[in-house]
Protein backbone atom coordinates (compact mmCIF):
# COMPACT_ATOMS: atom_id res chain seq x y z
CA MET A 1 139.40 183.07 139.95
CA VAL A 2 140.84 183.12 143.55
CA ASP A 3 140.32 186.42 145.32
CA GLN A 4 143.67 188.12 144.92
CA ARG A 5 143.35 189.77 148.40
CA ARG A 6 143.16 186.29 149.93
CA THR A 7 146.49 185.00 150.98
CA THR A 8 145.31 181.47 151.98
CA PHE A 9 144.07 179.38 149.06
CA LEU A 10 145.44 175.86 149.64
CA LEU A 11 143.34 174.96 152.58
CA PRO A 12 139.51 175.52 152.06
CA GLU A 13 137.62 176.30 155.18
CA GLN A 14 135.38 173.28 154.38
CA PRO A 15 136.67 169.99 152.91
CA ILE A 16 135.89 169.42 149.27
CA THR A 17 134.48 165.85 148.97
CA THR A 18 132.83 165.60 145.58
CA MET A 19 133.98 166.44 142.01
CA GLU A 20 130.97 168.67 141.50
CA ASP A 21 131.95 170.82 144.52
CA TYR A 22 135.46 170.95 143.14
CA LEU A 23 134.49 172.09 139.83
CA ALA A 24 132.15 174.66 141.37
CA ALA A 25 135.17 175.97 143.33
CA GLY A 26 137.10 176.60 140.11
CA GLY A 27 138.77 173.01 140.01
CA GLY A 28 139.90 171.85 136.62
CA ARG A 29 140.65 175.43 135.17
CA GLY A 30 144.46 175.17 135.67
CA LEU A 31 144.52 171.77 133.77
CA GLN A 32 142.41 173.00 130.98
CA ILE A 33 144.60 176.17 130.58
CA ALA A 34 147.66 173.99 130.52
CA LEU A 35 146.16 171.77 127.73
CA ASN A 36 145.24 174.85 125.80
CA ILE A 37 148.60 176.63 125.90
CA GLY A 38 150.73 173.58 125.49
CA ALA A 39 153.53 171.84 127.54
CA THR A 40 156.32 174.40 126.87
CA ALA A 41 154.15 177.34 127.75
CA THR A 42 153.04 175.52 130.85
CA ILE A 43 156.57 175.01 132.17
CA ASP A 44 157.26 178.63 131.34
CA GLU A 45 154.35 179.79 133.50
CA ILE A 46 155.41 177.69 136.39
CA SER A 47 158.96 178.94 136.02
CA ARG A 48 157.78 182.49 135.95
CA SER A 49 155.74 182.06 139.07
CA GLY A 50 158.89 181.28 141.06
CA LEU A 51 157.22 178.21 142.69
CA ARG A 52 159.74 176.43 144.88
CA GLY A 53 159.32 172.81 146.13
CA ARG A 54 157.40 172.57 149.48
CA GLY A 55 158.94 169.20 150.37
CA GLY A 56 161.89 170.82 152.09
CA ALA A 57 164.53 171.59 149.45
CA GLY A 58 162.88 174.64 147.97
CA PHE A 59 164.08 173.69 144.40
CA SER A 60 162.56 175.54 141.45
CA THR A 61 159.52 173.46 140.26
CA GLY A 62 159.83 174.93 136.67
CA ARG A 63 163.47 173.87 136.45
CA LYS A 64 162.68 170.33 137.65
CA TRP A 65 159.87 169.87 135.07
CA ALA A 66 162.02 171.27 132.28
CA SER A 67 164.87 168.93 133.19
CA VAL A 68 162.61 165.90 133.17
CA ARG A 69 160.99 166.84 129.88
CA GLY A 70 164.33 167.66 128.09
CA ASN A 71 166.75 165.10 129.46
CA GLY A 72 167.24 161.32 129.10
CA VAL A 73 165.21 158.74 126.98
CA GLY A 74 162.24 156.47 127.56
CA ARG A 75 158.96 157.14 129.23
CA ARG A 76 158.19 159.88 131.79
CA PHE A 77 156.37 159.57 135.05
CA VAL A 78 155.08 161.88 137.84
CA VAL A 79 155.08 160.99 141.51
CA ALA A 80 153.09 163.05 144.24
CA ASN A 81 154.98 162.58 147.36
CA ALA A 82 152.56 162.58 150.26
CA ALA A 83 154.60 160.00 152.37
CA GLU A 84 154.78 162.49 155.24
CA GLY A 85 156.95 161.23 157.97
CA GLU A 86 158.96 164.31 159.02
CA PRO A 87 158.57 164.97 162.75
CA ALA A 88 156.38 168.02 163.54
CA THR A 89 154.62 167.91 160.22
CA PHE A 90 150.99 167.42 159.22
CA LYS A 91 150.52 169.70 156.35
CA ASP A 92 150.20 167.11 153.43
CA ARG A 93 147.77 165.03 155.33
CA LEU A 94 145.66 168.03 156.15
CA LEU A 95 145.79 169.14 152.60
CA ILE A 96 144.56 165.71 151.40
CA ARG A 97 141.75 165.82 153.81
CA ARG A 98 140.67 169.33 152.70
CA ASP A 99 141.26 169.19 148.88
CA PRO A 100 142.66 165.98 147.36
CA TYR A 101 141.31 166.95 143.88
CA ARG A 102 143.81 169.87 143.67
CA ILE A 103 146.80 167.56 144.29
CA ILE A 104 145.62 165.32 141.47
CA GLU A 105 144.99 168.31 139.14
CA GLY A 106 148.48 169.55 139.84
CA ALA A 107 149.99 166.14 139.22
CA ALA A 108 148.04 165.97 135.88
CA ILE A 109 149.38 169.38 134.83
CA ALA A 110 152.95 168.17 135.60
CA ALA A 111 152.28 164.99 133.61
CA PHE A 112 151.10 166.95 130.64
CA ALA A 113 154.06 169.31 130.90
CA VAL A 114 156.78 166.61 130.97
CA GLY A 115 154.93 164.12 128.66
CA ALA A 116 154.09 161.51 131.26
CA GLY A 117 151.25 159.08 130.83
CA THR A 118 151.15 157.80 134.47
CA VAL A 119 150.87 159.41 137.83
CA TYR A 120 151.59 157.77 141.22
CA LEU A 121 149.96 159.29 144.34
CA ALA A 122 152.24 157.97 147.13
CA THR A 123 151.27 158.04 150.90
CA LYS A 124 151.50 155.55 153.72
CA ARG A 125 149.15 152.61 154.16
CA SER A 126 148.74 153.58 157.78
CA TYR A 127 147.17 156.86 156.69
CA GLN A 128 143.87 155.14 155.82
CA ARG A 129 141.84 158.38 155.91
CA GLU A 130 144.16 159.95 153.44
CA VAL A 131 144.41 156.86 151.12
CA ALA A 132 140.52 156.73 150.97
CA ALA A 133 140.33 160.43 150.18
CA LEU A 134 142.90 160.16 147.34
CA ARG A 135 141.41 157.00 145.95
CA ASP A 136 137.89 158.36 145.90
CA ALA A 137 139.10 161.68 144.35
CA ALA A 138 141.11 159.82 141.71
CA VAL A 139 138.09 157.74 140.78
CA GLN A 140 135.93 160.81 140.40
CA PHE A 141 138.52 162.78 138.50
CA THR A 142 139.06 159.94 136.06
CA ALA A 143 135.28 159.53 135.57
CA SER A 144 135.02 163.20 134.83
CA GLY A 145 137.06 162.74 131.53
CA LEU A 146 139.36 165.69 132.43
CA LEU A 147 142.38 163.44 132.74
CA GLN A 148 141.90 162.11 129.20
CA GLN A 149 144.06 159.04 129.05
CA LEU A 150 146.18 159.76 132.03
CA SER A 151 146.48 156.80 134.50
CA ILE A 152 146.30 157.65 138.19
CA ASN A 153 147.60 155.10 140.78
CA ILE A 154 147.55 155.09 144.61
CA VAL A 155 150.71 153.87 146.28
CA GLU A 156 150.45 152.69 149.98
CA GLY A 157 153.93 152.56 151.56
CA PRO A 158 155.55 151.57 154.81
CA ASP A 159 155.90 153.82 157.88
CA ASP A 160 159.65 154.05 157.48
CA TYR A 161 160.95 157.64 157.58
CA LEU A 162 163.10 157.12 154.44
CA TYR A 163 159.94 156.13 152.50
CA GLY A 164 159.53 159.84 151.96
CA GLU A 165 163.02 160.26 150.41
CA GLU A 166 162.53 160.48 146.65
CA LYS A 167 164.91 157.80 145.54
CA ALA A 168 163.64 155.31 148.25
CA LEU A 169 160.11 156.24 147.19
CA LEU A 170 160.81 155.09 143.67
CA GLU A 171 162.05 151.72 145.10
CA VAL A 172 158.74 151.25 146.87
CA ILE A 173 156.76 152.00 143.83
CA GLU A 174 158.75 149.34 142.05
CA GLY A 175 157.91 146.82 144.79
CA ARG A 176 161.01 146.95 146.92
CA ASP A 177 162.01 148.13 150.40
CA PRO A 178 162.58 151.94 151.07
CA LEU A 179 166.32 151.80 150.42
CA PRO A 180 167.48 154.86 148.63
CA ARG A 181 169.12 154.16 145.30
CA LEU A 182 172.06 156.09 143.96
CA MET A 183 170.73 157.99 141.01
CA PRO A 184 168.21 160.79 141.48
CA PRO A 185 164.77 160.47 139.72
CA TYR A 186 165.46 163.15 137.12
CA GLU A 187 168.37 161.09 135.84
CA VAL A 188 167.18 157.51 136.34
CA GLY A 189 163.47 157.24 137.07
CA LEU A 190 160.70 154.69 137.47
CA PHE A 191 161.12 151.25 135.69
CA ALA A 192 164.26 152.26 133.86
CA SER A 193 166.31 149.73 131.97
CA GLU A 194 169.47 151.54 133.28
CA PRO A 195 171.11 149.87 136.26
CA ALA A 196 169.07 150.55 139.35
CA ILE A 197 172.25 150.92 141.36
CA GLY A 198 170.11 150.12 144.36
CA TRP A 199 170.23 147.56 147.13
CA GLU A 200 169.47 144.66 144.74
CA SER A 201 172.44 144.61 142.46
CA GLY A 202 172.10 143.09 139.09
CA SER A 203 168.41 143.27 139.05
CA ARG A 204 168.29 144.93 135.66
CA ALA A 205 170.06 144.31 132.51
CA VAL A 206 172.21 146.85 130.78
CA THR A 207 171.52 147.32 127.10
CA ALA A 208 172.75 149.61 124.32
CA THR A 209 169.33 151.18 124.19
CA ALA A 210 168.93 151.59 127.94
CA GLU A 211 165.97 153.89 128.91
CA SER A 212 166.35 156.21 131.94
CA ASN A 213 162.66 157.27 132.22
CA PRO A 214 163.26 160.55 133.99
CA THR A 215 160.61 161.12 136.62
CA VAL A 216 159.11 164.21 138.46
CA VAL A 217 158.85 163.69 142.17
CA ASN A 218 157.13 166.71 143.72
CA ASN A 219 155.63 167.15 147.19
CA ALA A 220 151.80 167.12 147.33
CA GLU A 221 151.68 170.80 148.41
CA THR A 222 153.88 171.79 145.51
CA LEU A 223 151.47 170.15 143.04
CA ALA A 224 148.36 171.60 144.55
CA THR A 225 150.02 175.12 144.42
CA ALA A 226 150.92 174.44 140.74
CA ALA A 227 147.16 173.84 139.93
CA HIS A 228 146.30 177.20 141.57
CA ILE A 229 149.03 178.98 139.58
CA MET A 230 147.91 177.53 136.25
CA ALA A 231 144.28 178.71 137.08
CA ASN A 232 145.14 182.23 138.22
CA GLY A 233 148.58 182.99 136.55
CA ALA A 234 152.15 183.63 137.62
CA HIS A 235 151.54 187.26 138.20
CA TRP A 236 148.82 186.46 140.71
CA PHE A 237 151.08 183.99 142.61
CA ARG A 238 153.92 186.44 142.71
CA SER A 239 151.62 189.10 144.22
CA ILE A 240 151.73 186.83 147.43
CA GLY A 241 154.83 186.30 149.48
CA THR A 242 158.32 187.69 148.51
CA ASP A 243 160.15 187.99 145.26
CA ALA A 244 162.45 184.94 145.97
CA SER A 245 159.84 182.91 147.90
CA PRO A 246 156.48 183.75 146.45
CA GLY A 247 153.15 182.19 147.53
CA THR A 248 151.96 180.66 150.82
CA VAL A 249 153.27 177.90 152.96
CA ILE A 250 151.33 175.39 155.14
CA ALA A 251 153.17 175.41 158.49
CA THR A 252 152.78 172.97 161.44
CA VAL A 253 153.64 174.04 164.98
CA VAL A 254 153.90 171.61 167.96
CA GLY A 255 155.90 171.63 171.18
CA ASP A 256 155.87 174.30 173.88
CA VAL A 257 153.15 176.61 172.56
CA ALA A 258 149.73 177.35 173.91
CA ARG A 259 147.79 176.12 170.88
CA PRO A 260 149.69 173.77 168.48
CA GLY A 261 148.18 173.70 164.97
CA VAL A 262 148.48 173.97 161.23
CA HIS A 263 148.31 177.28 159.47
CA GLU A 264 148.58 178.49 155.96
CA VAL A 265 150.49 181.70 155.99
CA GLU A 266 152.05 184.05 153.35
CA MET A 267 155.69 183.51 152.67
CA GLY A 268 157.67 186.26 154.37
CA THR A 269 155.47 186.16 157.47
CA PRO A 270 157.79 186.47 160.56
CA PHE A 271 158.20 183.14 162.40
CA SER A 272 157.13 185.03 165.63
CA THR A 273 153.82 185.88 163.95
CA LEU A 274 153.14 182.23 163.25
CA LEU A 275 153.87 181.52 166.87
CA ALA A 276 151.41 184.30 167.99
CA LEU A 277 148.74 182.37 166.02
CA CYS A 278 149.61 179.48 168.27
CA GLY A 279 149.07 181.48 171.37
CA GLY A 280 152.68 182.18 172.13
CA PRO A 281 154.49 180.27 174.90
CA GLN A 282 152.96 178.60 177.91
CA PRO A 283 152.08 180.93 180.78
CA GLY A 284 155.27 181.99 182.73
CA ARG A 285 157.64 180.57 180.06
CA SER A 286 159.73 181.97 177.30
CA PHE A 287 160.76 180.47 173.98
CA LYS A 288 164.33 179.02 173.76
CA ALA A 289 164.62 177.50 170.26
CA ALA A 290 162.80 175.66 167.39
CA LEU A 291 163.56 172.97 164.92
CA SER A 292 162.07 172.61 161.50
CA GLY A 293 161.72 168.88 161.58
CA VAL A 294 165.07 167.04 161.83
CA SER A 295 166.55 168.43 158.57
CA ASN A 296 167.96 171.78 159.51
CA PRO A 297 170.03 173.64 162.08
CA VAL A 298 168.36 174.71 165.36
CA LEU A 299 166.73 178.24 165.30
CA PRO A 300 167.38 180.12 168.57
CA ALA A 301 164.76 182.32 169.99
CA SER A 302 166.78 185.47 169.31
CA ALA A 303 166.11 184.78 165.56
CA PHE A 304 162.30 184.10 165.88
CA ASP A 305 161.39 187.29 164.00
CA THR A 306 163.01 185.76 160.86
CA PRO A 307 160.64 185.95 157.88
CA MET A 308 159.48 182.56 156.74
CA THR A 309 161.27 182.29 153.36
CA TYR A 310 163.89 179.92 152.21
CA GLU A 311 166.58 182.56 151.84
CA ASP A 312 165.80 184.31 155.27
CA PHE A 313 165.84 181.09 157.24
CA ALA A 314 169.17 180.16 155.55
CA ASN A 315 170.69 183.55 156.33
CA ALA A 316 169.62 183.03 159.99
CA GLY A 317 171.60 179.84 159.94
CA SER A 318 168.76 177.39 159.78
CA GLY A 319 166.34 176.16 157.08
CA LEU A 320 162.60 176.39 156.36
CA GLY A 321 162.39 172.77 155.36
CA ALA A 322 158.84 171.51 155.11
CA ALA A 323 157.69 174.21 157.64
CA GLY A 324 156.97 171.65 160.36
CA PHE A 325 158.20 173.23 163.62
CA VAL A 326 158.76 171.86 167.07
CA VAL A 327 159.27 174.72 169.60
CA TYR A 328 161.04 174.47 172.94
CA ASP A 329 160.82 176.74 175.99
CA ASP A 330 163.33 177.67 178.67
CA THR A 331 162.59 174.61 180.72
CA VAL A 332 164.33 172.41 178.10
CA ASN A 333 167.99 171.34 178.08
CA MET A 334 168.73 171.25 174.30
CA THR A 335 171.16 168.46 174.74
CA ALA A 336 168.20 166.20 175.46
CA VAL A 337 166.55 167.51 172.24
CA ALA A 338 169.70 166.54 170.30
CA LEU A 339 169.73 163.07 171.87
CA ALA A 340 166.10 162.40 170.92
CA MET A 341 166.48 163.51 167.39
CA SER A 342 169.80 161.68 166.97
CA ARG A 343 168.18 158.48 168.37
CA PHE A 344 165.36 158.91 165.78
CA LEU A 345 167.77 159.31 162.89
CA ALA A 346 169.87 156.41 164.02
CA ALA A 347 166.81 154.11 164.18
CA GLU A 348 165.56 155.31 160.74
CA SER A 349 169.04 155.01 159.04
CA CYS A 350 168.65 152.12 156.55
CA GLY A 351 172.10 150.78 156.92
CA GLN A 352 173.13 150.82 153.27
CA CYS A 353 175.86 153.42 154.15
CA PRO A 354 177.90 152.30 157.19
CA PRO A 355 179.25 155.80 158.02
CA CYS A 356 175.65 156.92 158.42
CA LYS A 357 174.23 154.01 160.41
CA LEU A 358 177.41 153.46 162.62
CA GLY A 359 178.16 157.09 163.00
CA SER A 360 174.49 158.20 164.05
CA THR A 361 174.49 155.31 166.52
CA ALA A 362 177.77 156.30 168.09
CA ILE A 363 176.70 159.86 168.26
CA THR A 364 173.51 158.89 169.96
CA GLU A 365 175.42 156.87 172.53
CA GLN A 366 177.74 159.78 173.19
CA LEU A 367 174.89 162.10 173.71
CA ALA A 368 173.16 159.67 176.00
CA SER A 369 176.36 159.51 178.16
CA ILE A 370 176.20 163.27 178.37
CA CYS A 371 172.63 163.40 179.35
CA THR A 372 173.06 160.72 182.05
CA GLN A 373 176.07 162.80 183.35
CA GLN A 374 178.39 159.87 182.84
CA ALA A 375 180.76 161.49 180.43
CA ASP A 376 183.71 164.01 180.68
CA ASP A 377 184.97 166.62 178.21
CA SER A 378 186.69 163.95 176.12
CA VAL A 379 183.37 162.89 174.78
CA LEU A 380 183.12 166.06 172.80
CA GLY A 381 186.19 165.32 170.73
CA ALA A 382 184.96 161.82 170.00
CA MET A 383 181.57 163.14 168.98
CA GLN A 384 182.94 165.86 166.70
CA ALA A 385 185.03 163.17 164.95
CA GLN A 386 181.88 161.03 164.39
CA LEU A 387 180.00 164.11 163.16
CA ALA A 388 182.62 164.80 160.65
CA GLY A 389 182.48 161.37 159.12
CA VAL A 390 178.79 160.51 159.27
CA THR A 391 178.02 161.88 155.84
CA ASN A 392 180.79 159.84 153.99
CA ALA A 393 179.58 158.35 150.72
CA ASN A 394 175.90 158.53 151.85
CA ARG A 395 173.03 157.95 149.27
CA CYS A 396 170.63 160.20 150.90
CA PHE A 397 170.37 163.22 153.21
CA LEU A 398 169.88 161.41 156.50
CA GLY A 399 173.60 161.35 157.47
CA SER A 400 173.70 165.19 156.74
CA GLU A 401 170.57 165.69 158.87
CA GLU A 402 172.41 164.03 161.79
CA GLN A 403 175.48 166.18 161.25
CA ILE A 404 173.62 169.46 160.74
CA LEU A 405 171.19 169.13 163.61
CA VAL A 406 173.39 167.88 166.37
CA SER A 407 176.36 170.20 165.41
CA SER A 408 174.01 173.16 165.41
CA VAL A 409 172.85 172.31 169.01
CA LEU A 410 176.41 172.01 170.22
CA ARG A 411 177.23 175.33 168.76
CA ALA A 412 174.12 177.18 169.87
CA PHE A 413 173.79 175.80 173.39
CA PRO A 414 177.21 174.92 174.84
CA GLU A 415 175.97 176.00 178.24
CA ASP A 416 173.42 173.19 178.26
CA ILE A 417 176.16 170.68 177.56
CA ALA A 418 178.47 172.11 180.17
CA ALA A 419 175.77 171.97 182.80
CA LEU A 420 175.53 168.25 182.19
CA LEU A 421 179.11 167.59 181.97
CA GLU A 422 179.73 169.50 185.19
CA GLY A 423 176.97 167.63 187.06
CA ARG A 424 174.90 170.72 187.65
CA VAL A 425 171.54 169.20 186.35
CA ARG A 426 169.49 167.56 189.23
CA ARG A 427 166.86 166.13 186.88
CA LEU A 428 166.85 166.00 182.98
CA SER A 429 163.28 165.60 181.49
CA PRO A 430 163.37 163.23 178.47
CA ILE A 431 162.26 164.64 175.10
CA ASP A 432 160.05 162.81 172.69
CA VAL A 433 160.24 163.06 168.94
CA PRO A 434 156.98 164.80 167.91
CA ILE A 435 155.41 162.48 165.37
CA ILE A 436 151.88 163.59 164.72
CA LYS A 437 149.38 160.82 164.55
CA ASP A 438 146.23 162.74 163.83
CA ILE A 439 144.65 166.11 164.15
CA THR A 440 141.40 166.90 166.06
CA ASP A 441 138.35 168.57 164.56
CA ASP A 442 139.38 171.84 166.17
CA GLY A 443 142.80 171.69 164.51
CA ILE A 444 145.03 170.42 167.47
CA PRO A 445 147.79 167.97 166.46
CA VAL A 446 147.71 164.55 168.31
CA LEU A 447 151.29 163.24 168.86
CA ALA A 448 151.98 159.48 168.70
CA THR A 449 152.76 157.97 172.09
């Protein structure tokens, strides 16, 4: 059993690299309990725990499993999403390096709960250290006999940002490009005989007995947490964190802090406390704002005492997301931040939905004209019109990310935009999108250049 006084359990201090060490640390217990109590009781236990998805949406894990088990026809599949590409995030890769076995156990529990016979562990082929760790752990776990007849497959995908979007992820597993399909996985899953409604029209026949194959797609951290819950119980999990957001969260912090890093903290921990673990701001500076990846509204420094829960961050006008934070200090003009993130999203937009691709590109150009002080006030109206339409008929959330993030900066920091439009900025420092390439042995994230 995990020490109930310990509020960090996902990231062991020393990496677990053998099945023997994993079993000695209590590994496998959650799966055995699930097998003993049955699928329905397993889903009930996960539901009682209040576990919410750690990939960004915060959706109830128990509800997701129940919907996949109870809806549709055909086979069931489970996908562990470790295709981590969100800026300012390194939590899934660190978890794989520290304890890949727990992710596999959590995926096996999910598979048993929904009646799946196959699990896909999806990460990026450029993450070769993580690929090797997952493959080695999968081989050892399979050899142990604990997985019974469950098949474990490693998927190595491209570096595209959209590869991490669950509908695009299914397309990659089926051998296509990461172009989000229309239907969500719990409705039309892997290898379904229903129409794919993807980029390749007419690729599947429609029959009277079409099988939808509902599929569970869970973030790697979510599945690892589920394994701990089954081993220690819903009551234990609810003793950590808050009532609506129980447990811990693995948070990444980069940007204008003294010591960027990755920390597992209890849900409900004030964001300012997390920043204190990172040494606070640089000497002589003060914090100005933070972004949780590129998926949520900006969080101004005045709200940095907000508890790290889904509901508290939402009430503060932002979102917890995947808990990957980039922090900016008082030297930064936030318009340059909006430009950098908009340029990233415009480049990563797949082009299936013209309002998203064309709109995000136009918004980026408008922000660039502001940052180069070559625009007047009329650009604001044009940009607002583009922001209003960038989400029209989109298949994924990318267009919404563009709208949410850029609009929030315009609302929160109008003085930064005014300073540029009025020509009062002598030199604007460019902002880079914080894509984390690796992490040092002492826990410092290394950004891609």
